[in-house]
């Protein structure tokens, strides 16, 4: 029997993981840990900063981007495999 990915489940899982990681990065950045990674996130993500609203906006942005890429990956994977 052929196995297929569930694109929606894959997208939601990626979005949740990305949002959690971005939130942890914001918290650790405020503690002075992983400052190099925080600086990279500031450069790569339009809305991310170390303020509370910046962390939440970065989490939302990361979740949306991750959902889109993982969802599309699931669709293309199922189509070509």
PDB file of N, CA and C in Angstrom:
ATOM      1  N   UNK A   1       0.840  -1.181   0.000  1.00  0.00           N
ATOM      2  CA  UNK A   1       0.000   0.000   0.000  1.00  0.00           C
ATOM      3  C   UNK A   1       0.887   1.247   0.000  1.00  0.00           C
ATOM      4  N   UNK A   2       0.520   2.207  -0.807  1.00  0.00           N
ATOM      5  CA  UNK A   2       1.328   3.414  -0.969  1.00  0.00           C
ATOM      6  C   UNK A   2       1.047   4.410   0.165  1.00  0.00           C
ATOM      7  N   UNK A   3       2.124   4.860   0.777  1.00  0.00           N
ATOM      8  CA  UNK A   3       2.016   5.862   1.833  1.00  0.00           C
ATOM      9  C   UNK A   3       2.093   7.247   1.224  1.00  0.00           C
ATOM     10  N   UNK A   4       1.294   8.174   1.732  1.00  0.00           N
ATOM     11  CA  UNK A   4       1.354   9.560   1.282  1.00  0.00           C
ATOM     12  C   UNK A   4       1.442  10.473   2.491  1.00  0.00           C
ATOM     13  N   UNK A   5       2.122  11.593   2.279  1.00  0.00           N
ATOM     14  CA  UNK A   5       2.181  12.606   3.322  1.00  0.00           C
ATOM     15  C   UNK A   5       0.848  13.334   3.404  1.00  0.00           C
ATOM     16  N   UNK A   6       0.506  13.798   4.578  1.00  0.00           N
ATOM     17  CA  UNK A   6      -0.654  14.665   4.740  1.00  0.00           C
ATOM     18  C   UNK A   6      -0.123  16.097   4.782  1.00  0.00           C
ATOM     19  N   UNK A   7      -0.257  16.838   3.681  1.00  0.00           N
ATOM     20  CA  UNK A   7       0.351  18.172   3.604  1.00  0.00           C
ATOM     21  C   UNK A   7      -0.117  19.132   4.701  1.00  0.00           C
ATOM     22  N   UNK A   8      -1.389  19.080   5.044  1.00  0.00           N
ATOM     23  CA  UNK A   8      -1.897  19.977   6.075  1.00  0.00           C
ATOM     24  C   UNK A   8      -1.267  19.670   7.427  1.00  0.00           C
ATOM     25  N   UNK A   9      -1.184  18.404   7.778  1.00  0.00           N
ATOM     26  CA  UNK A   9      -0.572  18.011   9.053  1.00  0.00           C
ATOM     27  C   UNK A   9       0.918  18.372   9.074  1.00  0.00           C
ATOM     28  N   UNK A  10       1.610  18.157   7.963  1.00  0.00           N
ATOM     29  CA  UNK A  10       3.019  18.503   7.871  1.00  0.00           C
ATOM     30  C   UNK A  10       3.211  20.012   8.020  1.00  0.00           C
ATOM     31  N   UNK A  11       2.377  20.793   7.347  1.00  0.00           N
ATOM     32  CA  UNK A  11       2.457  22.245   7.434  1.00  0.00           C
ATOM     33  C   UNK A  11       2.185  22.761   8.831  1.00  0.00           C
ATOM     34  N   UNK A  12       1.163  22.222   9.476  1.00  0.00           N
ATOM     35  CA  UNK A  12       0.841  22.657  10.835  1.00  0.00           C
ATOM     36  C   UNK A  12       1.947  22.286  11.825  1.00  0.00           C
ATOM     37  N   UNK A  13       2.502  21.093  11.681  1.00  0.00           N
ATOM     38  CA  UNK A  13       3.600  20.676  12.560  1.00  0.00           C
ATOM     39  C   UNK A  13       4.810  21.586  12.390  1.00  0.00           C
ATOM     40  N   UNK A  14       5.146  21.898  11.147  1.00  0.00           N
ATOM     41  CA  UNK A  14       6.286  22.784  10.887  1.00  0.00           C
ATOM     42  C   UNK A  14       6.023  24.182  11.444  1.00  0.00           C
ATOM     43  N   UNK A  15       4.801  24.670  11.314  1.00  0.00           N
ATOM     44  CA  UNK A  15       4.453  25.990  11.828  1.00  0.00           C
ATOM     45  C   UNK A  15       4.580  26.048  13.352  1.00  0.00           C
ATOM     46  N   UNK A  16       4.110  25.019  14.014  1.00  0.00           N
ATOM     47  CA  UNK A  16       4.179  24.983  15.474  1.00  0.00           C
ATOM     48  C   UNK A  16       5.622  24.921  15.948  1.00  0.00           C
ATOM     49  N   UNK A  17       6.413  24.059  15.340  1.00  0.00           N
ATOM     50  CA  UNK A  17       7.823  23.937  15.727  1.00  0.00           C
ATOM     51  C   UNK A  17       8.571  25.251  15.481  1.00  0.00           C
ATOM     52  N   UNK A  18       8.323  25.874  14.343  1.00  0.00           N
ATOM     53  CA  UNK A  18       9.003  27.126  14.017  1.00  0.00           C
ATOM     54  C   UNK A  18       8.633  28.238  14.991  1.00  0.00           C
ATOM     55  N   UNK A  19       7.359  28.324  15.345  1.00  0.00           N
ATOM     56  CA  UNK A  19       6.917  29.354  16.286  1.00  0.00           C
ATOM     57  C   UNK A  19       7.540  29.133  17.670  1.00  0.00           C
ATOM     58  N   UNK A  20       7.604  27.890  18.103  1.00  0.00           N
ATOM     59  CA  UNK A  20       8.202  27.595  19.409  1.00  0.00           C
ATOM     60  C   UNK A  20       9.683  27.943  19.408  1.00  0.00           C
ATOM     61  N   UNK A  21      10.385  27.580  18.350  1.00  0.00           N
ATOM     62  CA  UNK A  21      11.817  27.877  18.274  1.00  0.00           C
ATOM     63  C   UNK A  21      12.054  29.380  18.231  1.00  0.00           C
ATOM     64  N   UNK A  22      11.243  30.112  17.499  1.00  0.00           N
ATOM     65  CA  UNK A  22      11.398  31.568  17.433  1.00  0.00           C
ATOM     66  C   UNK A  22      11.115  32.198  18.796  1.00  0.00           C
ATOM     67  N   UNK A  23      10.120  31.688  19.499  1.00  0.00           N
ATOM     68  CA  UNK A  23       9.837  32.187  20.844  1.00  0.00           C
ATOM     69  C   UNK A  23      10.989  31.921  21.801  1.00  0.00           C
ATOM     70  N   UNK A  24      11.538  30.706  21.757  1.00  0.00           N
ATOM     71  CA  UNK A  24      12.691  30.387  22.603  1.00  0.00           C
ATOM     72  C   UNK A  24      13.892  31.244  22.260  1.00  0.00           C
ATOM     73  N   UNK A  25      14.096  31.489  20.980  1.00  0.00           N
ATOM     74  CA  UNK A  25      15.203  32.328  20.560  1.00  0.00           C
ATOM     75  C   UNK A  25      15.024  33.752  21.078  1.00  0.00           C
ATOM     76  N   UNK A  26      13.798  34.262  21.068  1.00  0.00           N
ATOM     77  CA  UNK A  26      13.535  35.595  21.608  1.00  0.00           C
ATOM     78  C   UNK A  26      13.800  35.669  23.102  1.00  0.00           C
ATOM     79  N   UNK A  27      13.376  34.649  23.833  1.00  0.00           N
ATOM     80  CA  UNK A  27      13.606  34.617  25.281  1.00  0.00           C
ATOM     81  C   UNK A  27      15.099  34.516  25.581  1.00  0.00           C
ATOM     82  N   UNK A  28      15.774  33.602  24.905  1.00  0.00           N
ATOM     83  CA  UNK A  28      17.212  33.439  25.136  1.00  0.00           C
ATOM     84  C   UNK A  28      17.993  34.677  24.698  1.00  0.00           C
ATOM     85  N   UNK A  29      17.540  35.343  23.646  1.00  0.00           N
ATOM     86  CA  UNK A  29      18.185  36.565  23.208  1.00  0.00           C
ATOM     87  C   UNK A  29      18.082  37.669  24.244  1.00  0.00           C
ATOM     88  N   UNK A  30      16.948  37.740  24.932  1.00  0.00           N
ATOM     89  CA  UNK A  30      16.775  38.727  26.001  1.00  0.00           C
ATOM     90  C   UNK A  30      17.649  38.403  27.207  1.00  0.00           C
ATOM     91  N   UNK A  31      18.025  37.149  27.356  1.00  0.00           N
ATOM     92  CA  UNK A  31      18.919  36.748  28.441  1.00  0.00           C
ATOM     93  C   UNK A  31      20.387  36.882  28.049  1.00  0.00           C
ATOM     94  N   UNK A  32      20.649  37.279  26.816  1.00  0.00           N
ATOM     95  CA  UNK A  32      22.023  37.453  26.350  1.00  0.00           C
ATOM     96  C   UNK A  32      22.667  36.190  25.828  1.00  0.00           C
ATOM     97  N   UNK A  33      21.857  35.162  25.579  1.00  0.00           N
ATOM     98  CA  UNK A  33      22.353  33.881  25.078  1.00  0.00           C
ATOM     99  C   UNK A  33      22.008  33.800  23.589  1.00  0.00           C
ATOM    100  N   UNK A  34      22.892  33.194  22.798  1.00  0.00           N
ATOM    101  CA  UNK A  34      22.690  33.025  21.359  1.00  0.00           C
ATOM    102  C   UNK A  34      22.490  34.355  20.648  1.00  0.00           C
ATOM    103  N   UNK A  35      23.285  35.341  20.989  1.00  0.00           N
ATOM    104  CA  UNK A  35      23.141  36.664  20.379  1.00  0.00           C
ATOM    105  C   UNK A  35      23.452  36.641  18.880  1.00  0.00           C
ATOM    106  N   UNK A  36      24.336  35.765  18.459  1.00  0.00           N
ATOM    107  CA  UNK A  36      24.624  35.639  17.029  1.00  0.00           C
ATOM    108  C   UNK A  36      23.410  35.156  16.253  1.00  0.00           C
ATOM    109  N   UNK A  37      22.721  34.167  16.791  1.00  0.00           N
ATOM    110  CA  UNK A  37      21.516  33.645  16.138  1.00  0.00           C
ATOM    111  C   UNK A  37      20.403  34.689  16.145  1.00  0.00           C
ATOM    112  N   UNK A  38      20.316  35.454  17.231  1.00  0.00           N
ATOM    113  CA  UNK A  38      19.306  36.518  17.309  1.00  0.00           C
ATOM    114  C   UNK A  38      19.574  37.566  16.228  1.00  0.00           C
ATOM    115  N   UNK A  39      20.815  37.927  16.044  1.00  0.00           N
ATOM    116  CA  UNK A  39      21.163  38.917  15.019  1.00  0.00           C
ATOM    117  C   UNK A  39      20.828  38.400  13.625  1.00  0.00           C
ATOM    118  N   UNK A  40      21.071  37.102  13.383  1.00  0.00           N
ATOM    119  CA  UNK A  40      20.703  36.516  12.097  1.00  0.00           C
ATOM    120  C   UNK A  40      19.192  36.556  11.886  1.00  0.00           C
ATOM    121  N   UNK A  41      18.437  36.245  12.929  1.00  0.00           N
ATOM    122  CA  UNK A  41      16.979  36.281  12.806  1.00  0.00           C
ATOM    123  C   UNK A  41      16.487  37.697  12.540  1.00  0.00           C
ATOM    124  N   UNK A  42      17.131  38.690  13.145  1.00  0.00           N
ATOM    125  CA  UNK A  42      16.757  40.091  12.879  1.00  0.00           C
ATOM    126  C   UNK A  42      16.979  40.432  11.415  1.00  0.00           C
ATOM    127  N   UNK A  43      18.045  39.898  10.825  1.00  0.00           N
ATOM    128  CA  UNK A  43      18.339  40.186   9.424  1.00  0.00           C
ATOM    129  C   UNK A  43      17.411  39.424   8.481  1.00  0.00           C
ATOM    130  N   UNK A  44      17.067  38.195   8.818  1.00  0.00           N
ATOM    131  CA  UNK A  44      16.287  37.343   7.928  1.00  0.00           C
ATOM    132  C   UNK A  44      14.787  37.564   8.030  1.00  0.00           C
ATOM    133  N   UNK A  45      14.299  37.935   9.219  1.00  0.00           N
ATOM    134  CA  UNK A  45      12.857  38.073   9.434  1.00  0.00           C
ATOM    135  C   UNK A  45      12.497  39.545   9.595  1.00  0.00           C
ATOM    136  N   UNK A  46      11.519  39.969   8.850  1.00  0.00           N
ATOM    137  CA  UNK A  46      11.131  41.358   8.793  1.00  0.00           C
ATOM    138  C   UNK A  46      10.597  41.878  10.131  1.00  0.00           C
ATOM    139  N   UNK A  47       9.884  41.066  10.876  1.00  0.00           N
ATOM    140  CA  UNK A  47       9.188  41.541  12.067  1.00  0.00           C
ATOM    141  C   UNK A  47       9.841  41.147  13.385  1.00  0.00           C
ATOM    142  N   UNK A  48      10.873  40.333  13.380  1.00  0.00           N
ATOM    143  CA  UNK A  48      11.470  39.832  14.613  1.00  0.00           C
ATOM    144  C   UNK A  48      12.339  40.892  15.285  1.00  0.00           C
ATOM    145  N   UNK A  49      12.143  41.058  16.581  1.00  0.00           N
ATOM    146  CA  UNK A  49      13.027  41.875  17.427  1.00  0.00           C
ATOM    147  C   UNK A  49      12.919  41.325  18.841  1.00  0.00           C
ATOM    148  N   UNK A  50      13.672  41.879  19.769  1.00  0.00           N
ATOM    149  CA  UNK A  50      13.686  41.345  21.134  1.00  0.00           C
ATOM    150  C   UNK A  50      12.624  41.955  22.045  1.00  0.00           C
ATOM    151  N   UNK A  51      11.734  42.766  21.503  1.00  0.00           N
ATOM    152  CA  UNK A  51      10.603  43.241  22.295  1.00  0.00           C
ATOM    153  C   UNK A  51       9.524  42.161  22.309  1.00  0.00           C
ATOM    154  N   UNK A  52       8.567  42.279  23.211  1.00  0.00           N
ATOM    155  CA  UNK A  52       7.493  41.277  23.287  1.00  0.00           C
ATOM    156  C   UNK A  52       6.711  41.226  21.982  1.00  0.00           C
ATOM    157  N   UNK A  53       6.365  42.395  21.444  1.00  0.00           N
ATOM    158  CA  UNK A  53       5.618  42.398  20.178  1.00  0.00           C
ATOM    159  C   UNK A  53       6.488  41.886  19.023  1.00  0.00           C
ATOM    160  N   UNK A  54       7.785  42.170  19.050  1.00  0.00           N
ATOM    161  CA  UNK A  54       8.684  41.675  18.017  1.00  0.00           C
ATOM    162  C   UNK A  54       8.830  40.171  18.054  1.00  0.00           C
ATOM    163  N   UNK A  55       8.874  39.608  19.257  1.00  0.00           N
ATOM    164  CA  UNK A  55       8.974  38.143  19.394  1.00  0.00           C
ATOM    165  C   UNK A  55       7.697  37.490  18.887  1.00  0.00           C
ATOM    166  N   UNK A  56       6.546  38.031  19.279  1.00  0.00           N
ATOM    167  CA  UNK A  56       5.271  37.458  18.833  1.00  0.00           C
ATOM    168  C   UNK A  56       5.115  37.592  17.325  1.00  0.00           C
ATOM    169  N   UNK A  57       5.481  38.761  16.776  1.00  0.00           N
ATOM    170  CA  UNK A  57       5.395  38.955  15.327  1.00  0.00           C
ATOM    171  C   UNK A  57       6.359  38.012  14.597  1.00  0.00           C
ATOM    172  N   UNK A  58       7.548  37.813  15.161  1.00  0.00           N
ATOM    173  CA  UNK A  58       8.498  36.872  14.568  1.00  0.00           C
ATOM    174  C   UNK A  58       7.986  35.442  14.615  1.00  0.00           C
ATOM    175  N   UNK A  59       7.324  35.083  15.704  1.00  0.00           N
ATOM    176  CA  UNK A  59       6.744  33.746  15.808  1.00  0.00           C
ATOM    177  C   UNK A  59       5.670  33.533  14.749  1.00  0.00           C
ATOM    178  N   UNK A  60       4.825  34.541  14.558  1.00  0.00           N
ATOM    179  CA  UNK A  60       3.763  34.435  13.555  1.00  0.00           C
ATOM    180  C   UNK A  60       4.364  34.351  12.153  1.00  0.00           C
ATOM    181  N   UNK A  61       5.353  35.207  11.886  1.00  0.00           N
ATOM    182  CA  UNK A  61       6.005  35.198  10.577  1.00  0.00           C
ATOM    183  C   UNK A  61       6.669  33.850  10.302  1.00  0.00           C
ATOM    184  N   UNK A  62       7.400  33.326  11.273  1.00  0.00           N
ATOM    185  CA  UNK A  62       8.063  32.032  11.096  1.00  0.00           C
ATOM    186  C   UNK A  62       7.043  30.922  10.881  1.00  0.00           C
ATOM    187  N   UNK A  63       5.926  30.973  11.614  1.00  0.00           N
ATOM    188  CA  UNK A  63       4.897  29.942  11.461  1.00  0.00           C
ATOM    189  C   UNK A  63       4.281  29.980  10.069  1.00  0.00           C
ATOM    190  N   UNK A  64       4.002  31.167   9.573  1.00  0.00           N
ATOM    191  CA  UNK A  64       3.388  31.281   8.243  1.00  0.00           C
ATOM    192  C   UNK A  64       4.343  30.788   7.160  1.00  0.00           C
ATOM    193  N   UNK A  65       5.585  31.240   7.221  1.00  0.00           N
ATOM    194  CA  UNK A  65       6.567  30.832   6.201  1.00  0.00           C
ATOM    195  C   UNK A  65       6.783  29.318   6.245  1.00  0.00           C
ATOM    196  N   UNK A  66       6.941  28.771   7.456  1.00  0.00           N
ATOM    197  CA  UNK A  66       7.163  27.324   7.588  1.00  0.00           C
ATOM    198  C   UNK A  66       5.964  26.525   7.111  1.00  0.00           C
ATOM    199  N   UNK A  67       4.764  26.992   7.432  1.00  0.00           N
ATOM    200  CA  UNK A  67       3.561  26.290   6.988  1.00  0.00           C
ATOM    201  C   UNK A  67       3.514  26.224   5.468  1.00  0.00           C
ATOM    202  N   UNK A  68       3.754  27.363   4.816  1.00  0.00           N
ATOM    203  CA  UNK A  68       3.677  27.410   3.357  1.00  0.00           C
ATOM    204  C   UNK A  68       4.685  26.458   2.727  1.00  0.00           C
ATOM    205  N   UNK A  69       5.937  26.510   3.168  1.00  0.00           N
ATOM    206  CA  UNK A  69       6.956  25.650   2.567  1.00  0.00           C
ATOM    207  C   UNK A  69       6.701  24.171   2.846  1.00  0.00           C
ATOM    208  N   UNK A  70       6.325  23.824   4.069  1.00  0.00           N
ATOM    209  CA  UNK A  70       6.081  22.412   4.390  1.00  0.00           C
ATOM    210  C   UNK A  70       4.834  21.893   3.671  1.00  0.00           C
ATOM    211  N   UNK A  71       3.797  22.710   3.584  1.00  0.00           N
ATOM    212  CA  UNK A  71       2.570  22.315   2.887  1.00  0.00           C
ATOM    213  C   UNK A  71       2.861  22.054   1.407  1.00  0.00           C
ATOM    214  N   UNK A  72       3.584  22.988   0.781  1.00  0.00           N
ATOM    215  CA  UNK A  72       3.939  22.802  -0.628  1.00  0.00           C
ATOM    216  C   UNK A  72       4.850  21.594  -0.827  1.00  0.00           C
ATOM    217  N   UNK A  73       5.784  21.387   0.106  1.00  0.00           N
ATOM    218  CA  UNK A  73       6.632  20.203   0.029  1.00  0.00           C
ATOM    219  C   UNK A  73       5.780  18.936   0.072  1.00  0.00           C
ATOM    220  N   UNK A  74       4.798  18.881   0.971  1.00  0.00           N
ATOM    221  CA  UNK A  74       3.925  17.712   1.062  1.00  0.00           C
ATOM    222  C   UNK A  74       3.141  17.470  -0.201  1.00  0.00           C
ATOM    223  N   UNK A  75       2.639  18.544  -0.802  1.00  0.00           N
ATOM    224  CA  UNK A  75       1.888  18.394  -2.059  1.00  0.00           C
ATOM    225  C   UNK A  75       2.776  17.876  -3.178  1.00  0.00           C
ATOM    226  N   UNK A  76       3.962  18.496  -3.342  1.00  0.00           N
ATOM    227  CA  UNK A  76       4.870  18.065  -4.410  1.00  0.00           C
ATOM    228  C   UNK A  76       5.422  16.670  -4.151  1.00  0.00           C
ATOM    229  N   UNK A  77       5.682  16.348  -2.903  1.00  0.00           N
ATOM    230  CA  UNK A  77       6.163  15.010  -2.568  1.00  0.00           C
ATOM    231  C   UNK A  77       5.141  13.953  -2.995  1.00  0.00           C
ATOM    232  N   UNK A  78       3.893  14.191  -2.640  1.00  0.00           N
ATOM    233  CA  UNK A  78       2.846  13.225  -2.993  1.00  0.00           C
ATOM    234  C   UNK A  78       2.647  13.138  -4.512  1.00  0.00           C
ATOM    235  N   UNK A  79       2.840  14.237  -5.198  1.00  0.00           N
ATOM    236  CA  UNK A  79       2.644  14.249  -6.639  1.00  0.00           C
ATOM    237  C   UNK A  79       3.731  13.489  -7.386  1.00  0.00           C
ATOM    238  N   UNK A  80       4.985  13.617  -6.915  1.00  0.00           N
ATOM    239  CA  UNK A  80       6.105  13.051  -7.660  1.00  0.00           C
ATOM    240  C   UNK A  80       6.594  11.698  -7.139  1.00  0.00           C
ATOM    241  N   UNK A  81       6.138  11.252  -6.002  1.00  0.00           N
ATOM    242  CA  UNK A  81       6.615   9.976  -5.472  1.00  0.00           C
ATOM    243  C   UNK A  81       5.599   8.898  -5.702  1.00  0.00           C
TER     244      UNK A  81
END
